[in-house]
């Protein structure tokens, strides 16, 4: 095979070609031919690799190093898309709940002093409420979030099976409201194969009607720990004006 034959086969002579001579028998005669090792695929792969490398360099510069308005807009859009379409779906999958992070939007679980609240004095003020619920101070001291949490706190939520929920734990559930409710479980009942929960807000004077019988179908998850205090205010501040007057602003003990 010669160069003319190579051109007829559609191979550009500018491409890298390695040629190795070998001896073969053709029609009973010893014939020397040239074995052609064409590096066409390798050349294509290198072109694609270089294009990807150049694209990544431009993307990385625009995302982190470009201080122009275009760079800022691109970074914000990218982070929004990443969090919405990648981070949260993966986190939901890992935690087995549709709402792995929850911002506390009300003062119903607030304790005076918040992170620095005094448990003894707080329970003394709320002793009558919990006595009526047949929960004493010693039992409550073994519950999670004995200092409550504050409006704007971000809680880490994990999925939980209804049969694994315990009295004293803080659950998040769907109710007849715009957003889910985060309250403490005070009793659990089982009817047939279904579980029903009763909750109360630590800072509420009593139960709200919709939380006296919460079906397991309403259960979203269980609050595991306070991830970041107050950071949720970055979002809440935009909605404060639309709230009822008594729901606006910082928390105080009721």
C-alpha atoms as a PDB file:
ATOM      1  CA  UNK A   1       0.000   0.000   0.000  1.00  0.00           C
ATOM      2  CA  UNK A   2       1.434   3.381  -0.986  1.00  0.00           C
ATOM      3  CA  UNK A   3       0.611   7.002  -0.206  1.00  0.00           C
ATOM      4  CA  UNK A   4      -1.891   7.227  -3.101  1.00  0.00           C
ATOM      5  CA  UNK A   5      -3.822   4.319  -1.652  1.00  0.00           C
ATOM      6  CA  UNK A   6      -3.827   6.055   1.735  1.00  0.00           C
ATOM      7  CA  UNK A   7      -5.265   9.237   0.185  1.00  0.00           C
ATOM      8  CA  UNK A   8      -7.941   7.231  -1.614  1.00  0.00           C
ATOM      9  CA  UNK A   9      -8.923   5.744   1.753  1.00  0.00           C
ATOM     10  CA  UNK A  10      -9.609   9.290   2.965  1.00  0.00           C
ATOM     11  CA  UNK A  11      -6.635   9.596   5.291  1.00  0.00           C
ATOM     12  CA  UNK A  12      -5.023  13.010   5.417  1.00  0.00           C
ATOM     13  CA  UNK A  13      -1.237  12.775   4.970  1.00  0.00           C
ATOM     14  CA  UNK A  14      -0.915  15.514   7.596  1.00  0.00           C
ATOM     15  CA  UNK A  15      -2.032  13.062  10.227  1.00  0.00           C
ATOM     16  CA  UNK A  16       0.571  11.197  12.162  1.00  0.00           C
ATOM     17  CA  UNK A  17       1.235   7.811  10.627  1.00  0.00           C
ATOM     18  CA  UNK A  18       3.593   5.181  11.841  1.00  0.00           C
ATOM     19  CA  UNK A  19       4.700   2.628   9.309  1.00  0.00           C
ATOM     20  CA  UNK A  20       6.216  -0.707  10.019  1.00  0.00           C
ATOM     21  CA  UNK A  21       7.388  -3.087   7.356  1.00  0.00           C
ATOM     22  CA  UNK A  22       6.349  -6.707   7.646  1.00  0.00           C
ATOM     23  CA  UNK A  23       6.599  -9.737   5.394  1.00  0.00           C
ATOM     24  CA  UNK A  24       3.477 -11.602   4.393  1.00  0.00           C
ATOM     25  CA  UNK A  25       2.574 -14.121   1.733  1.00  0.00           C
ATOM     26  CA  UNK A  26       0.063 -12.999  -0.872  1.00  0.00           C
ATOM     27  CA  UNK A  27      -1.036 -15.313  -3.676  1.00  0.00           C
ATOM     28  CA  UNK A  28       1.950 -17.548  -3.072  1.00  0.00           C
ATOM     29  CA  UNK A  29       4.497 -14.792  -3.518  1.00  0.00           C
ATOM     30  CA  UNK A  30       6.657 -13.109  -0.926  1.00  0.00           C
ATOM     31  CA  UNK A  31       5.530  -9.538  -0.751  1.00  0.00           C
ATOM     32  CA  UNK A  32       6.723  -6.675   1.351  1.00  0.00           C
ATOM     33  CA  UNK A  33       3.939  -4.394   2.483  1.00  0.00           C
ATOM     34  CA  UNK A  34       3.708  -1.583   4.923  1.00  0.00           C
ATOM     35  CA  UNK A  35       1.616  -1.920   8.053  1.00  0.00           C
ATOM     36  CA  UNK A  36       0.006   1.388   8.847  1.00  0.00           C
ATOM     37  CA  UNK A  37      -0.791   2.409  12.381  1.00  0.00           C
ATOM     38  CA  UNK A  38      -2.923   5.508  12.132  1.00  0.00           C
ATOM     39  CA  UNK A  39      -3.156   7.712  15.139  1.00  0.00           C
ATOM     40  CA  UNK A  40      -6.345   9.390  13.996  1.00  0.00           C
ATOM     41  CA  UNK A  41      -8.381   8.409  17.080  1.00  0.00           C
ATOM     42  CA  UNK A  42      -5.595   9.490  19.379  1.00  0.00           C
ATOM     43  CA  UNK A  43      -5.425  12.867  17.644  1.00  0.00           C
ATOM     44  CA  UNK A  44      -9.202  13.318  18.010  1.00  0.00           C
ATOM     45  CA  UNK A  45      -9.030  12.405  21.689  1.00  0.00           C
ATOM     46  CA  UNK A  46      -6.283  14.959  22.274  1.00  0.00           C
ATOM     47  CA  UNK A  47      -8.329  17.664  20.557  1.00  0.00           C
ATOM     48  CA  UNK A  48     -11.352  16.887  22.728  1.00  0.00           C
ATOM     49  CA  UNK A  49      -9.167  16.811  25.832  1.00  0.00           C
ATOM     50  CA  UNK A  50      -7.630  20.190  24.979  1.00  0.00           C
ATOM     51  CA  UNK A  51     -11.060  21.708  24.322  1.00  0.00           C
ATOM     52  CA  UNK A  52     -12.343  20.443  27.669  1.00  0.00           C
ATOM     53  CA  UNK A  53      -9.224  21.705  29.437  1.00  0.00           C
ATOM     54  CA  UNK A  54      -9.607  25.169  27.897  1.00  0.00           C
ATOM     55  CA  UNK A  55     -13.329  25.228  28.727  1.00  0.00           C
ATOM     56  CA  UNK A  56     -12.647  24.253  32.346  1.00  0.00           C
ATOM     57  CA  UNK A  57      -9.986  26.964  32.701  1.00  0.00           C
ATOM     58  CA  UNK A  58     -12.401  29.616  31.401  1.00  0.00           C
ATOM     59  CA  UNK A  59     -15.222  28.247  33.585  1.00  0.00           C
ATOM     60  CA  UNK A  60     -13.042  28.215  36.716  1.00  0.00           C
ATOM     61  CA  UNK A  61     -11.831  31.767  36.049  1.00  0.00           C
ATOM     62  CA  UNK A  62     -15.365  33.048  35.514  1.00  0.00           C
ATOM     63  CA  UNK A  63     -16.649  31.253  38.627  1.00  0.00           C
ATOM     64  CA  UNK A  64     -13.956  32.205  41.179  1.00  0.00           C
ATOM     65  CA  UNK A  65     -11.538  34.770  39.778  1.00  0.00           C
ATOM     66  CA  UNK A  66     -13.536  37.103  37.555  1.00  0.00           C
ATOM     67  CA  UNK A  67     -14.390  40.188  39.630  1.00  0.00           C
ATOM     68  CA  UNK A  68     -16.559  41.721  36.943  1.00  0.00           C
ATOM     69  CA  UNK A  69     -20.351  42.001  37.204  1.00  0.00           C
ATOM     70  CA  UNK A  70     -20.634  39.150  34.714  1.00  0.00           C
ATOM     71  CA  UNK A  71     -18.456  36.983  36.970  1.00  0.00           C
ATOM     72  CA  UNK A  72     -20.547  37.764  40.058  1.00  0.00           C
ATOM     73  CA  UNK A  73     -23.819  37.018  38.275  1.00  0.00           C
ATOM     74  CA  UNK A  74     -22.428  33.777  36.893  1.00  0.00           C
ATOM     75  CA  UNK A  75     -21.177  32.677  40.341  1.00  0.00           C
ATOM     76  CA  UNK A  76     -24.522  33.385  42.004  1.00  0.00           C
ATOM     77  CA  UNK A  77     -26.469  31.545  39.302  1.00  0.00           C
ATOM     78  CA  UNK A  78     -24.087  28.602  39.417  1.00  0.00           C
ATOM     79  CA  UNK A  79     -24.292  28.276  43.209  1.00  0.00           C
ATOM     80  CA  UNK A  80     -28.093  28.518  43.099  1.00  0.00           C
ATOM     81  CA  UNK A  81     -28.334  25.780  40.454  1.00  0.00           C
ATOM     82  CA  UNK A  82     -25.769  23.615  42.261  1.00  0.00           C
ATOM     83  CA  UNK A  83     -27.538  23.866  45.616  1.00  0.00           C
ATOM     84  CA  UNK A  84     -31.017  23.400  44.150  1.00  0.00           C
ATOM     85  CA  UNK A  85     -30.371  20.618  41.656  1.00  0.00           C
ATOM     86  CA  UNK A  86     -27.344  18.769  43.059  1.00  0.00           C
ATOM     87  CA  UNK A  87     -26.586  19.507  46.727  1.00  0.00           C
ATOM     88  CA  UNK A  88     -30.114  19.246  48.154  1.00  0.00           C
ATOM     89  CA  UNK A  89     -31.142  16.139  46.158  1.00  0.00           C
ATOM     90  CA  UNK A  90     -27.971  14.344  47.291  1.00  0.00           C
ATOM     91  CA  UNK A  91     -28.455  15.514  50.892  1.00  0.00           C
ATOM     92  CA  UNK A  92     -32.105  14.389  50.818  1.00  0.00           C
ATOM     93  CA  UNK A  93     -30.986  10.990  49.582  1.00  0.00           C
ATOM     94  CA  UNK A  94     -28.380  10.703  52.345  1.00  0.00           C
ATOM     95  CA  UNK A  95     -30.744  11.801  55.156  1.00  0.00           C
ATOM     96  CA  UNK A  96     -33.861   9.991  53.875  1.00  0.00           C
ATOM     97  CA  UNK A  97     -36.042  13.086  54.116  1.00  0.00           C
ATOM     98  CA  UNK A  98     -37.372  15.646  51.671  1.00  0.00           C
ATOM     99  CA  UNK A  99     -36.286  18.489  53.986  1.00  0.00           C
ATOM    100  CA  UNK A 100     -32.757  17.866  55.325  1.00  0.00           C
ATOM    101  CA  UNK A 101     -32.238  21.488  56.397  1.00  0.00           C
ATOM    102  CA  UNK A 102     -34.960  23.523  58.058  1.00  0.00           C
ATOM    103  CA  UNK A 103     -35.000  27.177  59.070  1.00  0.00           C
ATOM    104  CA  UNK A 104     -36.872  27.896  62.283  1.00  0.00           C
ATOM    105  CA  UNK A 105     -39.452  30.530  61.344  1.00  0.00           C
ATOM    106  CA  UNK A 106     -41.287  31.098  64.625  1.00  0.00           C
ATOM    107  CA  UNK A 107     -40.624  31.538  68.340  1.00  0.00           C
ATOM    108  CA  UNK A 108     -42.653  28.502  69.454  1.00  0.00           C
ATOM    109  CA  UNK A 109     -39.549  26.582  70.620  1.00  0.00           C
ATOM    110  CA  UNK A 110     -37.655  29.555  72.066  1.00  0.00           C
ATOM    111  CA  UNK A 111     -36.142  29.446  75.574  1.00  0.00           C
ATOM    112  CA  UNK A 112     -35.224  32.686  77.322  1.00  0.00           C
ATOM    113  CA  UNK A 113     -31.493  33.215  76.895  1.00  0.00           C
ATOM    114  CA  UNK A 114     -31.396  30.861  73.909  1.00  0.00           C
ATOM    115  CA  UNK A 115     -27.935  29.185  73.815  1.00  0.00           C
ATOM    116  CA  UNK A 116     -27.222  30.552  77.305  1.00  0.00           C
ATOM    117  CA  UNK A 117     -30.595  29.793  78.847  1.00  0.00           C
ATOM    118  CA  UNK A 118     -30.753  28.361  82.347  1.00  0.00           C
ATOM    119  CA  UNK A 119     -32.570  25.032  82.236  1.00  0.00           C
ATOM    120  CA  UNK A 120     -33.575  24.997  85.923  1.00  0.00           C
ATOM    121  CA  UNK A 121     -35.149  28.442  85.904  1.00  0.00           C
ATOM    122  CA  UNK A 122     -36.770  27.825  82.504  1.00  0.00           C
ATOM    123  CA  UNK A 123     -38.433  24.601  83.620  1.00  0.00           C
ATOM    124  CA  UNK A 124     -39.595  26.201  86.857  1.00  0.00           C
ATOM    125  CA  UNK A 125     -41.491  28.771  84.809  1.00  0.00           C
ATOM    126  CA  UNK A 126     -43.006  26.039  82.578  1.00  0.00           C
ATOM    127  CA  UNK A 127     -43.416  23.342  85.210  1.00  0.00           C
ATOM    128  CA  UNK A 128     -47.213  23.615  85.392  1.00  0.00           C
ATOM    129  CA  UNK A 129     -47.617  23.143  81.636  1.00  0.00           C
ATOM    130  CA  UNK A 130     -45.512  19.980  81.573  1.00  0.00           C
ATOM    131  CA  UNK A 131     -47.003  18.627  84.792  1.00  0.00           C
ATOM    132  CA  UNK A 132     -50.392  18.645  83.078  1.00  0.00           C
ATOM    133  CA  UNK A 133     -48.749  16.600  80.295  1.00  0.00           C
ATOM    134  CA  UNK A 134     -47.309  14.188  82.887  1.00  0.00           C
ATOM    135  CA  UNK A 135     -43.713  15.130  82.069  1.00  0.00           C
ATOM    136  CA  UNK A 136     -41.485  16.026  85.015  1.00  0.00           C
ATOM    137  CA  UNK A 137     -38.221  17.936  85.170  1.00  0.00           C
ATOM    138  CA  UNK A 138     -36.028  14.833  85.355  1.00  0.00           C
ATOM    139  CA  UNK A 139     -37.649  13.284  82.293  1.00  0.00           C
ATOM    140  CA  UNK A 140     -37.438  16.524  80.321  1.00  0.00           C
ATOM    141  CA  UNK A 141     -33.723  16.880  81.132  1.00  0.00           C
ATOM    142  CA  UNK A 142     -33.107  13.739  79.055  1.00  0.00           C
ATOM    143  CA  UNK A 143     -34.815  15.203  75.976  1.00  0.00           C
ATOM    144  CA  UNK A 144     -32.855  16.730  73.084  1.00  0.00           C
ATOM    145  CA  UNK A 145     -32.852  20.524  72.704  1.00  0.00           C
ATOM    146  CA  UNK A 146     -33.367  21.213  76.412  1.00  0.00           C
ATOM    147  CA  UNK A 147     -32.456  24.824  75.622  1.00  0.00           C
ATOM    148  CA  UNK A 148     -34.855  24.976  72.694  1.00  0.00           C
ATOM    149  CA  UNK A 149     -33.887  26.870  69.585  1.00  0.00           C
ATOM    150  CA  UNK A 150     -34.434  30.305  68.168  1.00  0.00           C
ATOM    151  CA  UNK A 151     -36.050  31.903  65.155  1.00  0.00           C
ATOM    152  CA  UNK A 152     -33.538  31.906  62.312  1.00  0.00           C
ATOM    153  CA  UNK A 153     -31.659  28.815  63.501  1.00  0.00           C
ATOM    154  CA  UNK A 154     -30.946  26.171  60.866  1.00  0.00           C
ATOM    155  CA  UNK A 155     -31.660  22.608  61.994  1.00  0.00           C
ATOM    156  CA  UNK A 156     -30.314  19.416  60.493  1.00  0.00           C
ATOM    157  CA  UNK A 157     -33.200  17.022  59.808  1.00  0.00           C
ATOM    158  CA  UNK A 158     -32.960  13.269  59.297  1.00  0.00           C
ATOM    159  CA  UNK A 159     -35.612  10.827  58.179  1.00  0.00           C
ATOM    160  CA  UNK A 160     -37.132   8.621  60.845  1.00  0.00           C
ATOM    161  CA  UNK A 161     -39.531   5.695  60.798  1.00  0.00           C
ATOM    162  CA  UNK A 162     -42.743   6.334  62.782  1.00  0.00           C
ATOM    163  CA  UNK A 163     -42.049   3.401  65.113  1.00  0.00           C
ATOM    164  CA  UNK A 164     -38.658   4.897  66.032  1.00  0.00           C
ATOM    165  CA  UNK A 165     -39.959   8.289  67.163  1.00  0.00           C
ATOM    166  CA  UNK A 166     -39.707   8.793  70.936  1.00  0.00           C
ATOM    167  CA  UNK A 167     -41.451  11.112  73.385  1.00  0.00           C
ATOM    168  CA  UNK A 168     -39.374  14.253  73.891  1.00  0.00           C
ATOM    169  CA  UNK A 169     -37.863  14.294  70.436  1.00  0.00           C
ATOM    170  CA  UNK A 170     -38.430  17.239  68.121  1.00  0.00           C
ATOM    171  CA  UNK A 171     -40.111  16.344  64.842  1.00  0.00           C
ATOM    172  CA  UNK A 172     -40.987  18.304  61.743  1.00  0.00           C
ATOM    173  CA  UNK A 173     -44.344  17.619  60.141  1.00  0.00           C
ATOM    174  CA  UNK A 174     -46.806  18.935  57.599  1.00  0.00           C
ATOM    175  CA  UNK A 175     -49.848  20.724  58.998  1.00  0.00           C
ATOM    176  CA  UNK A 176     -52.576  23.034  57.777  1.00  0.00           C
ATOM    177  CA  UNK A 177     -50.082  25.849  57.347  1.00  0.00           C
ATOM    178  CA  UNK A 178     -47.849  27.311  54.670  1.00  0.00           C
ATOM    179  CA  UNK A 179     -44.689  25.776  56.131  1.00  0.00           C
ATOM    180  CA  UNK A 180     -43.992  22.614  58.169  1.00  0.00           C
ATOM    181  CA  UNK A 181     -44.104  22.760  61.977  1.00  0.00           C
ATOM    182  CA  UNK A 182     -41.164  21.900  64.275  1.00  0.00           C
ATOM    183  CA  UNK A 183     -42.390  20.897  67.762  1.00  0.00           C
ATOM    184  CA  UNK A 184     -41.642  18.470  70.583  1.00  0.00           C
ATOM    185  CA  UNK A 185     -43.415  15.097  70.842  1.00  0.00           C
ATOM    186  CA  UNK A 186     -45.325  14.700  74.123  1.00  0.00           C
ATOM    187  CA  UNK A 187     -47.246  11.485  73.400  1.00  0.00           C
ATOM    188  CA  UNK A 188     -47.475   8.686  70.856  1.00  0.00           C
ATOM    189  CA  UNK A 189     -50.418   6.420  70.075  1.00  0.00           C
ATOM    190  CA  UNK A 190     -50.682   3.432  67.789  1.00  0.00           C
ATOM    191  CA  UNK A 191     -53.928   2.551  66.072  1.00  0.00           C
ATOM    192  CA  UNK A 192     -53.622  -0.622  64.059  1.00  0.00           C
ATOM    193  CA  UNK A 193     -50.508  -0.238  61.959  1.00  0.00           C
ATOM    194  CA  UNK A 194     -50.501   3.559  62.089  1.00  0.00           C
ATOM    195  CA  UNK A 195     -48.780   5.873  64.562  1.00  0.00           C
ATOM    196  CA  UNK A 196     -50.173   9.208  65.727  1.00  0.00           C
ATOM    197  CA  UNK A 197     -48.152  11.880  67.511  1.00  0.00           C
ATOM    198  CA  UNK A 198     -49.067  14.751  69.791  1.00  0.00           C
ATOM    199  CA  UNK A 199     -46.684  17.722  70.044  1.00  0.00           C
ATOM    200  CA  UNK A 200     -46.267  21.077  71.719  1.00  0.00           C
ATOM    201  CA  UNK A 201     -44.013  24.097  71.302  1.00  0.00           C
ATOM    202  CA  UNK A 202     -41.772  24.687  74.323  1.00  0.00           C
ATOM    203  CA  UNK A 203     -42.626  28.391  74.236  1.00  0.00           C
ATOM    204  CA  UNK A 204     -46.362  27.931  73.651  1.00  0.00           C
ATOM    205  CA  UNK A 205     -48.843  28.011  76.497  1.00  0.00           C
ATOM    206  CA  UNK A 206     -50.727  25.021  75.113  1.00  0.00           C
ATOM    207  CA  UNK A 207     -51.251  22.812  72.117  1.00  0.00           C
ATOM    208  CA  UNK A 208     -52.548  23.998  68.763  1.00  0.00           C
ATOM    209  CA  UNK A 209     -55.530  21.963  67.559  1.00  0.00           C
ATOM    210  CA  UNK A 210     -53.775  20.507  64.520  1.00  0.00           C
ATOM    211  CA  UNK A 211     -50.921  19.044  66.571  1.00  0.00           C
ATOM    212  CA  UNK A 212     -53.033  16.914  68.894  1.00  0.00           C
ATOM    213  CA  UNK A 213     -53.240  14.039  66.418  1.00  0.00           C
ATOM    214  CA  UNK A 214     -50.487  14.033  63.806  1.00  0.00           C
ATOM    215  CA  UNK A 215     -50.603  11.077  61.453  1.00  0.00           C
ATOM    216  CA  UNK A 216     -47.388   9.297  60.513  1.00  0.00           C
ATOM    217  CA  UNK A 217     -48.170  10.336  56.930  1.00  0.00           C
ATOM    218  CA  UNK A 218     -47.544  13.954  57.962  1.00  0.00           C
ATOM    219  CA  UNK A 219     -44.120  13.155  59.400  1.00  0.00           C
ATOM    220  CA  UNK A 220     -41.173  14.682  57.492  1.00  0.00           C
ATOM    221  CA  UNK A 221     -38.309  13.901  59.834  1.00  0.00           C
ATOM    222  CA  UNK A 222     -36.626  14.393  63.167  1.00  0.00           C
ATOM    223  CA  UNK A 223     -34.472  17.366  64.212  1.00  0.00           C
ATOM    224  CA  UNK A 224     -31.026  15.958  64.967  1.00  0.00           C
ATOM    225  CA  UNK A 225     -29.075  19.068  65.935  1.00  0.00           C
ATOM    226  CA  UNK A 226     -28.793  22.821  65.467  1.00  0.00           C
ATOM    227  CA  UNK A 227     -26.508  23.254  62.481  1.00  0.00           C
ATOM    228  CA  UNK A 228     -26.090  27.046  62.539  1.00  0.00           C
ATOM    229  CA  UNK A 229     -27.739  29.594  64.871  1.00  0.00           C
ATOM    230  CA  UNK A 230     -29.372  32.710  63.397  1.00  0.00           C
ATOM    231  CA  UNK A 231     -28.073  32.233  59.822  1.00  0.00           C
ATOM    232  CA  UNK A 232     -31.613  31.617  58.556  1.00  0.00           C
ATOM    233  CA  UNK A 233     -32.359  35.301  59.128  1.00  0.00           C
ATOM    234  CA  UNK A 234     -30.712  35.931  55.752  1.00  0.00           C
ATOM    235  CA  UNK A 235     -33.848  34.425  54.230  1.00  0.00           C
ATOM    236  CA  UNK A 236     -36.408  35.380  56.896  1.00  0.00           C
ATOM    237  CA  UNK A 237     -35.671  39.099  56.701  1.00  0.00           C
ATOM    238  CA  UNK A 238     -37.305  39.241  53.262  1.00  0.00           C
ATOM    239  CA  UNK A 239     -40.595  37.854  54.591  1.00  0.00           C
ATOM    240  CA  UNK A 240     -40.892  39.682  57.909  1.00  0.00           C
ATOM    241  CA  UNK A 241     -43.023  42.433  56.427  1.00  0.00           C
ATOM    242  CA  UNK A 242     -45.704  39.972  55.312  1.00  0.00           C
ATOM    243  CA  UNK A 243     -46.052  38.344  58.756  1.00  0.00           C
ATOM    244  CA  UNK A 244     -48.606  39.226  61.409  1.00  0.00           C
ATOM    245  CA  UNK A 245     -47.382  41.936  63.762  1.00  0.00           C
ATOM    246  CA  UNK A 246     -47.063  39.517  66.713  1.00  0.00           C
ATOM    247  CA  UNK A 247     -44.888  37.159  64.646  1.00  0.00           C
ATOM    248  CA  UNK A 248     -42.335  39.733  63.555  1.00  0.00           C
ATOM    249  CA  UNK A 249     -38.959  40.456  65.073  1.00  0.00           C
ATOM    250  CA  UNK A 250     -36.878  38.626  67.638  1.00  0.00           C
ATOM    251  CA  UNK A 251     -38.190  36.137  70.151  1.00  0.00           C
ATOM    252  CA  UNK A 252     -39.162  36.555  73.765  1.00  0.00           C
ATOM    253  CA  UNK A 253     -40.498  34.056  76.264  1.00  0.00           C
ATOM    254  CA  UNK A 254     -44.288  33.908  76.462  1.00  0.00           C
END
